[in-house]
Amino acid sequence: MSEKQATENVDELRWFKSSYSGSDGGDCVEVAAGQGFVCVRDSKGSDIGPALRVSRDAWTSFVPLASKTKE
């Protein structure tokens, strides 16, 4: 899998907060889909922190694995 810090203007993407994130401002992850890639960032530091950019194929492979850890 190849990943890199997103260098394009990630503020122009439409971000979605994880459905596992609580309303109390705890551990929150946001994702945004671009053309051929998905960006992931910490919602608490979205204005200052980096975003991780992965291919759509890598994201598609990752999501089922991450979901298993919550069961």
PDB file of N, CA and C in Angstrom:
ATOM      1  N   MET A   1       0.846  -1.163   0.000  1.00  0.00           N
ATOM      2  CA  MET A   1       0.000   0.000   0.000  1.00  0.00           C
ATOM      3  C   MET A   1       0.895   1.231   0.000  1.00  0.00           C
ATOM      4  N   SER A   2       0.520   2.194  -0.760  1.00  0.00           N
ATOM      5  CA  SER A   2       1.259   3.437  -0.827  1.00  0.00           C
ATOM      6  C   SER A   2       0.449   4.550  -0.188  1.00  0.00           C
ATOM      7  N   GLU A   3       1.025   5.240   0.764  1.00  0.00           N
ATOM      8  CA  GLU A   3       0.332   6.359   1.364  1.00  0.00           C
ATOM      9  C   GLU A   3       1.256   7.559   1.398  1.00  0.00           C
ATOM     10  N   LYS A   4       0.669   8.751   1.443  1.00  0.00           N
ATOM     11  CA  LYS A   4       1.449   9.973   1.531  1.00  0.00           C
ATOM     12  C   LYS A   4       0.589  11.058   2.128  1.00  0.00           C
ATOM     13  N   GLN A   5       1.234  12.069   2.654  1.00  0.00           N
ATOM     14  CA  GLN A   5       0.498  13.200   3.184  1.00  0.00           C
ATOM     15  C   GLN A   5      -0.128  13.945   2.019  1.00  0.00           C
ATOM     16  N   ALA A   6      -1.394  14.308   2.165  1.00  0.00           N
ATOM     17  CA  ALA A   6      -2.087  15.023   1.094  1.00  0.00           C
ATOM     18  C   ALA A   6      -1.449  16.394   0.903  1.00  0.00           C
ATOM     19  N   THR A   7      -1.153  16.728  -0.341  1.00  0.00           N
ATOM     20  CA  THR A   7      -0.533  18.017  -0.627  1.00  0.00           C
ATOM     21  C   THR A   7      -1.478  18.980  -1.313  1.00  0.00           C
ATOM     22  N   GLU A   8      -2.565  18.472  -1.893  1.00  0.00           N
ATOM     23  CA  GLU A   8      -3.513  19.384  -2.517  1.00  0.00           C
ATOM     24  C   GLU A   8      -4.340  20.070  -1.447  1.00  0.00           C
ATOM     25  N   ASN A   9      -5.129  21.032  -1.813  1.00  0.00           N
ATOM     26  CA  ASN A   9      -5.929  21.784  -0.851  1.00  0.00           C
ATOM     27  C   ASN A   9      -7.053  20.901  -0.326  1.00  0.00           C
ATOM     28  N   VAL A  10      -6.838  20.280   0.813  1.00  0.00           N
ATOM     29  CA  VAL A  10      -7.817  19.346   1.367  1.00  0.00           C
ATOM     30  C   VAL A  10      -9.052  20.063   1.901  1.00  0.00           C
ATOM     31  N   ASP A  11      -8.990  21.380   2.069  1.00  0.00           N
ATOM     32  CA  ASP A  11     -10.156  22.125   2.525  1.00  0.00           C
ATOM     33  C   ASP A  11     -11.257  22.151   1.470  1.00  0.00           C
ATOM     34  N   GLU A  12     -10.928  21.913   0.220  1.00  0.00           N
ATOM     35  CA  GLU A  12     -11.919  21.908  -0.849  1.00  0.00           C
ATOM     36  C   GLU A  12     -12.661  20.579  -0.946  1.00  0.00           C
ATOM     37  N   LEU A  13     -12.234  19.579  -0.208  1.00  0.00           N
ATOM     38  CA  LEU A  13     -12.890  18.280  -0.217  1.00  0.00           C
ATOM     39  C   LEU A  13     -14.088  18.302   0.730  1.00  0.00           C
ATOM     40  N   ARG A  14     -15.025  17.398   0.520  1.00  0.00           N
ATOM     41  CA  ARG A  14     -16.183  17.275   1.408  1.00  0.00           C
ATOM     42  C   ARG A  14     -15.869  16.199   2.440  1.00  0.00           C
ATOM     43  N   TRP A  15     -15.698  16.600   3.684  1.00  0.00           N
ATOM     44  CA  TRP A  15     -15.284  15.701   4.759  1.00  0.00           C
ATOM     45  C   TRP A  15     -16.491  15.116   5.481  1.00  0.00           C
ATOM     46  N   PHE A  16     -16.366  13.846   5.889  1.00  0.00           N
ATOM     47  CA  PHE A  16     -17.398  13.143   6.640  1.00  0.00           C
ATOM     48  C   PHE A  16     -16.787  12.583   7.915  1.00  0.00           C
ATOM     49  N   LYS A  17     -17.470  12.764   9.025  1.00  0.00           N
ATOM     50  CA  LYS A  17     -16.997  12.229  10.298  1.00  0.00           C
ATOM     51  C   LYS A  17     -17.405  10.764  10.423  1.00  0.00           C
ATOM     52  N   SER A  18     -16.556   9.973  11.024  1.00  0.00           N
ATOM     53  CA  SER A  18     -16.822   8.553  11.222  1.00  0.00           C
ATOM     54  C   SER A  18     -18.110   8.345  12.014  1.00  0.00           C
ATOM     55  N   SER A  19     -18.874   7.333  11.638  1.00  0.00           N
ATOM     56  CA  SER A  19     -20.100   7.008  12.369  1.00  0.00           C
ATOM     57  C   SER A  19     -19.791   6.466  13.766  1.00  0.00           C
ATOM     58  N   TYR A  20     -18.539   6.062  14.005  1.00  0.00           N
ATOM     59  CA  TYR A  20     -18.130   5.591  15.330  1.00  0.00           C
ATOM     60  C   TYR A  20     -17.765   6.744  16.261  1.00  0.00           C
ATOM     61  N   SER A  21     -17.681   7.959  15.752  1.00  0.00           N
ATOM     62  CA  SER A  21     -17.322   9.113  16.566  1.00  0.00           C
ATOM     63  C   SER A  21     -18.512   9.515  17.427  1.00  0.00           C
ATOM     64  N   GLY A  22     -18.236   9.769  18.675  1.00  0.00           N
ATOM     65  CA  GLY A  22     -19.291  10.190  19.581  1.00  0.00           C
ATOM     66  C   GLY A  22     -19.559  11.684  19.477  1.00  0.00           C
ATOM     67  N   SER A  23     -20.585  12.142  20.137  1.00  0.00           N
ATOM     68  CA  SER A  23     -20.932  13.554  20.110  1.00  0.00           C
ATOM     69  C   SER A  23     -20.176  14.355  21.166  1.00  0.00           C
ATOM     70  N   ASP A  24     -19.369  13.685  21.996  1.00  0.00           N
ATOM     71  CA  ASP A  24     -18.656  14.369  23.072  1.00  0.00           C
ATOM     72  C   ASP A  24     -17.288  14.894  22.649  1.00  0.00           C
ATOM     73  N   GLY A  25     -16.962  14.831  21.359  1.00  0.00           N
ATOM     74  CA  GLY A  25     -15.691  15.368  20.883  1.00  0.00           C
ATOM     75  C   GLY A  25     -14.505  14.460  21.147  1.00  0.00           C
ATOM     76  N   GLY A  26     -14.747  13.185  21.307  1.00  0.00           N
ATOM     77  CA  GLY A  26     -13.674  12.232  21.575  1.00  0.00           C
ATOM     78  C   GLY A  26     -12.831  11.945  20.351  1.00  0.00           C
ATOM     79  N   ASP A  27     -12.429  10.704  20.227  1.00  0.00           N
ATOM     80  CA  ASP A  27     -11.578  10.289  19.113  1.00  0.00           C
ATOM     81  C   ASP A  27     -12.388  10.279  17.822  1.00  0.00           C
ATOM     82  N   CYS A  28     -12.121  11.237  16.960  1.00  0.00           N
ATOM     83  CA  CYS A  28     -12.895  11.380  15.734  1.00  0.00           C
ATOM     84  C   CYS A  28     -11.992  11.327  14.508  1.00  0.00           C
ATOM     85  N   VAL A  29     -12.457  10.613  13.512  1.00  0.00           N
ATOM     86  CA  VAL A  29     -11.752  10.519  12.244  1.00  0.00           C
ATOM     87  C   VAL A  29     -12.684  11.036  11.163  1.00  0.00           C
ATOM     88  N   GLU A  30     -12.119  11.816  10.236  1.00  0.00           N
ATOM     89  CA  GLU A  30     -12.887  12.293   9.092  1.00  0.00           C
ATOM     90  C   GLU A  30     -12.255  11.751   7.817  1.00  0.00           C
ATOM     91  N   VAL A  31     -13.094  11.488   6.828  1.00  0.00           N
ATOM     92  CA  VAL A  31     -12.615  11.034   5.528  1.00  0.00           C
ATOM     93  C   VAL A  31     -13.229  11.898   4.435  1.00  0.00           C
ATOM     94  N   ALA A  32     -12.508  12.001   3.334  1.00  0.00           N
ATOM     95  CA  ALA A  32     -13.005  12.712   2.157  1.00  0.00           C
ATOM     96  C   ALA A  32     -12.499  11.990   0.925  1.00  0.00           C
ATOM     97  N   ALA A  33     -13.380  11.825  -0.042  1.00  0.00           N
ATOM     98  CA  ALA A  33     -13.006  11.139  -1.273  1.00  0.00           C
ATOM     99  C   ALA A  33     -12.711  12.150  -2.371  1.00  0.00           C
ATOM    100  N   GLY A  34     -11.580  11.953  -3.007  1.00  0.00           N
ATOM    101  CA  GLY A  34     -11.220  12.749  -4.169  1.00  0.00           C
ATOM    102  C   GLY A  34     -11.253  11.849  -5.390  1.00  0.00           C
ATOM    103  N   GLN A  35     -10.764  12.339  -6.486  1.00  0.00           N
ATOM    104  CA  GLN A  35     -10.749  11.539  -7.700  1.00  0.00           C
ATOM    105  C   GLN A  35      -9.585  10.551  -7.645  1.00  0.00           C
ATOM    106  N   GLY A  36      -9.888   9.290  -7.357  1.00  0.00           N
ATOM    107  CA  GLY A  36      -8.878   8.252  -7.305  1.00  0.00           C
ATOM    108  C   GLY A  36      -8.175   8.111  -5.970  1.00  0.00           C
ATOM    109  N   PHE A  37      -8.595   8.857  -4.956  1.00  0.00           N
ATOM    110  CA  PHE A  37      -7.948   8.773  -3.643  1.00  0.00           C
ATOM    111  C   PHE A  37      -8.949   9.073  -2.538  1.00  0.00           C
ATOM    112  N   VAL A  38      -8.556   8.718  -1.308  1.00  0.00           N
ATOM    113  CA  VAL A  38      -9.322   9.021  -0.104  1.00  0.00           C
ATOM    114  C   VAL A  38      -8.358   9.662   0.885  1.00  0.00           C
ATOM    115  N   CYS A  39      -8.797  10.734   1.538  1.00  0.00           N
ATOM    116  CA  CYS A  39      -7.992  11.389   2.573  1.00  0.00           C
ATOM    117  C   CYS A  39      -8.607  11.090   3.934  1.00  0.00           C
ATOM    118  N   VAL A  40      -7.752  10.940   4.936  1.00  0.00           N
ATOM    119  CA  VAL A  40      -8.164  10.667   6.307  1.00  0.00           C
ATOM    120  C   VAL A  40      -7.461  11.670   7.198  1.00  0.00           C
ATOM    121  N   ARG A  41      -8.180  12.219   8.184  1.00  0.00           N
ATOM    122  CA  ARG A  41      -7.556  13.172   9.121  1.00  0.00           C
ATOM    123  C   ARG A  41      -8.231  13.081  10.481  1.00  0.00           C
ATOM    124  N   ASP A  42      -7.556  13.622  11.465  1.00  0.00           N
ATOM    125  CA  ASP A  42      -8.090  13.734  12.824  1.00  0.00           C
ATOM    126  C   ASP A  42      -8.982  14.967  12.849  1.00  0.00           C
ATOM    127  N   SER A  43     -10.239  14.801  13.184  1.00  0.00           N
ATOM    128  CA  SER A  43     -11.169  15.928  13.143  1.00  0.00           C
ATOM    129  C   SER A  43     -10.854  16.999  14.185  1.00  0.00           C
ATOM    130  N   LYS A  44     -10.180  16.608  15.265  1.00  0.00           N
ATOM    131  CA  LYS A  44      -9.845  17.588  16.298  1.00  0.00           C
ATOM    132  C   LYS A  44      -8.725  18.521  15.864  1.00  0.00           C
ATOM    133  N   GLY A  45      -7.926  18.115  14.903  1.00  0.00           N
ATOM    134  CA  GLY A  45      -6.822  18.947  14.441  1.00  0.00           C
ATOM    135  C   GLY A  45      -6.895  19.230  12.961  1.00  0.00           C
ATOM    136  N   SER A  46      -8.107  19.242  12.419  1.00  0.00           N
ATOM    137  CA  SER A  46      -8.265  19.354  10.970  1.00  0.00           C
ATOM    138  C   SER A  46      -7.727  20.663  10.406  1.00  0.00           C
ATOM    139  N   ASP A  47      -7.703  21.709  11.212  1.00  0.00           N
ATOM    140  CA  ASP A  47      -7.201  22.986  10.712  1.00  0.00           C
ATOM    141  C   ASP A  47      -5.685  23.102  10.810  1.00  0.00           C
ATOM    142  N   ILE A  48      -5.046  22.216  11.585  1.00  0.00           N
ATOM    143  CA  ILE A  48      -3.595  22.309  11.739  1.00  0.00           C
ATOM    144  C   ILE A  48      -2.849  21.035  11.366  1.00  0.00           C
ATOM    145  N   GLY A  49      -3.533  19.910  11.433  1.00  0.00           N
ATOM    146  CA  GLY A  49      -2.856  18.636  11.219  1.00  0.00           C
ATOM    147  C   GLY A  49      -2.861  18.194   9.771  1.00  0.00           C
ATOM    148  N   PRO A  50      -2.042  17.209   9.466  1.00  0.00           N
ATOM    149  CA  PRO A  50      -1.970  16.671   8.098  1.00  0.00           C
ATOM    150  C   PRO A  50      -3.129  15.722   7.813  1.00  0.00           C
ATOM    151  N   ALA A  51      -3.297  15.424   6.562  1.00  0.00           N
ATOM    152  CA  ALA A  51      -4.252  14.408   6.125  1.00  0.00           C
ATOM    153  C   ALA A  51      -3.456  13.308   5.440  1.00  0.00           C
ATOM    154  N   LEU A  52      -3.847  12.079   5.682  1.00  0.00           N
ATOM    155  CA  LEU A  52      -3.225  10.939   5.043  1.00  0.00           C
ATOM    156  C   LEU A  52      -4.003  10.647   3.765  1.00  0.00           C
ATOM    157  N   ARG A  53      -3.298  10.478   2.663  1.00  0.00           N
ATOM    158  CA  ARG A  53      -3.944  10.212   1.376  1.00  0.00           C
ATOM    159  C   ARG A  53      -3.589   8.801   0.924  1.00  0.00           C
ATOM    160  N   VAL A  54      -4.615   8.013   0.605  1.00  0.00           N
ATOM    161  CA  VAL A  54      -4.416   6.644   0.122  1.00  0.00           C
ATOM    162  C   VAL A  54      -5.248   6.450  -1.142  1.00  0.00           C
ATOM    163  N   SER A  55      -4.885   5.456  -1.931  1.00  0.00           N
ATOM    164  CA  SER A  55      -5.657   5.152  -3.137  1.00  0.00           C
ATOM    165  C   SER A  55      -7.024   4.597  -2.732  1.00  0.00           C
ATOM    166  N   ARG A  56      -7.971   4.697  -3.636  1.00  0.00           N
ATOM    167  CA  ARG A  56      -9.298   4.135  -3.364  1.00  0.00           C
ATOM    168  C   ARG A  56      -9.213   2.622  -3.152  1.00  0.00           C
ATOM    169  N   ASP A  57      -8.348   1.947  -3.896  1.00  0.00           N
ATOM    170  CA  ASP A  57      -8.175   0.501  -3.726  1.00  0.00           C
ATOM    171  C   ASP A  57      -7.665   0.172  -2.324  1.00  0.00           C
ATOM    172  N   ALA A  58      -6.697   0.951  -1.845  1.00  0.00           N
ATOM    173  CA  ALA A  58      -6.162   0.724  -0.498  1.00  0.00           C
ATOM    174  C   ALA A  58      -7.240   0.960   0.554  1.00  0.00           C
ATOM    175  N   TRP A  59      -8.039   2.007   0.379  1.00  0.00           N
ATOM    176  CA  TRP A  59      -9.119   2.312   1.325  1.00  0.00           C
ATOM    177  C   TRP A  59     -10.166   1.191   1.324  1.00  0.00           C
ATOM    178  N   THR A  60     -10.518   0.702   0.141  1.00  0.00           N
ATOM    179  CA  THR A  60     -11.491  -0.372   0.010  1.00  0.00           C
ATOM    180  C   THR A  60     -11.006  -1.637   0.719  1.00  0.00           C
ATOM    181  N   SER A  61      -9.708  -1.881   0.683  1.00  0.00           N
ATOM    182  CA  SER A  61      -9.136  -3.041   1.379  1.00  0.00           C
ATOM    183  C   SER A  61      -9.070  -2.820   2.890  1.00  0.00           C
ATOM    184  N   PHE A  62      -8.844  -1.587   3.313  1.00  0.00           N
ATOM    185  CA  PHE A  62      -8.677  -1.256   4.723  1.00  0.00           C
ATOM    186  C   PHE A  62      -9.988  -1.298   5.514  1.00  0.00           C
ATOM    187  N   VAL A  63     -11.063  -0.762   4.967  1.00  0.00           N
ATOM    188  CA  VAL A  63     -12.314  -0.599   5.712  1.00  0.00           C
ATOM    189  C   VAL A  63     -12.841  -1.899   6.307  1.00  0.00           C
ATOM    190  N   PRO A  64     -12.921  -3.001   5.575  1.00  0.00           N
ATOM    191  CA  PRO A  64     -13.419  -4.238   6.201  1.00  0.00           C
ATOM    192  C   PRO A  64     -12.524  -4.716   7.348  1.00  0.00           C
ATOM    193  N   LEU A  65     -11.236  -4.500   7.244  1.00  0.00           N
ATOM    194  CA  LEU A  65     -10.319  -4.895   8.313  1.00  0.00           C
ATOM    195  C   LEU A  65     -10.510  -4.043   9.551  1.00  0.00           C
ATOM    196  N   ALA A  66     -10.719  -2.751   9.370  1.00  0.00           N
ATOM    197  CA  ALA A  66     -10.936  -1.853  10.502  1.00  0.00           C
ATOM    198  C   ALA A  66     -12.273  -2.154  11.168  1.00  0.00           C
ATOM    199  N   SER A  67     -13.262  -2.512  10.401  1.00  0.00           N
ATOM    200  CA  SER A  67     -14.585  -2.814  10.948  1.00  0.00           C
ATOM    201  C   SER A  67     -14.546  -4.047  11.845  1.00  0.00           C
ATOM    202  N   LYS A  68     -13.689  -5.007  11.533  1.00  0.00           N
ATOM    203  CA  LYS A  68     -13.594  -6.221  12.335  1.00  0.00           C
ATOM    204  C   LYS A  68     -13.076  -5.933  13.734  1.00  0.00           C
ATOM    205  N   THR A  69     -12.281  -4.905  13.915  1.00  0.00           N
ATOM    206  CA  THR A  69     -11.723  -4.599  15.238  1.00  0.00           C
ATOM    207  C   THR A  69     -12.793  -4.038  16.170  1.00  0.00           C
ATOM    208  N   LYS A  70     -13.910  -3.562  15.657  1.00  0.00           N
ATOM    209  CA  LYS A  70     -14.975  -3.009  16.474  1.00  0.00           C
ATOM    210  C   LYS A  70     -15.977  -4.066  16.923  1.00  0.00           C
ATOM    211  N   GLU A  71     -15.917  -5.254  16.367  1.00  0.00           N
ATOM    212  CA  GLU A  71     -16.882  -6.299  16.714  1.00  0.00           C
ATOM    213  C   GLU A  71     -16.608  -6.899  18.061  1.00  0.00           C
TER     214      GLU A  71
END
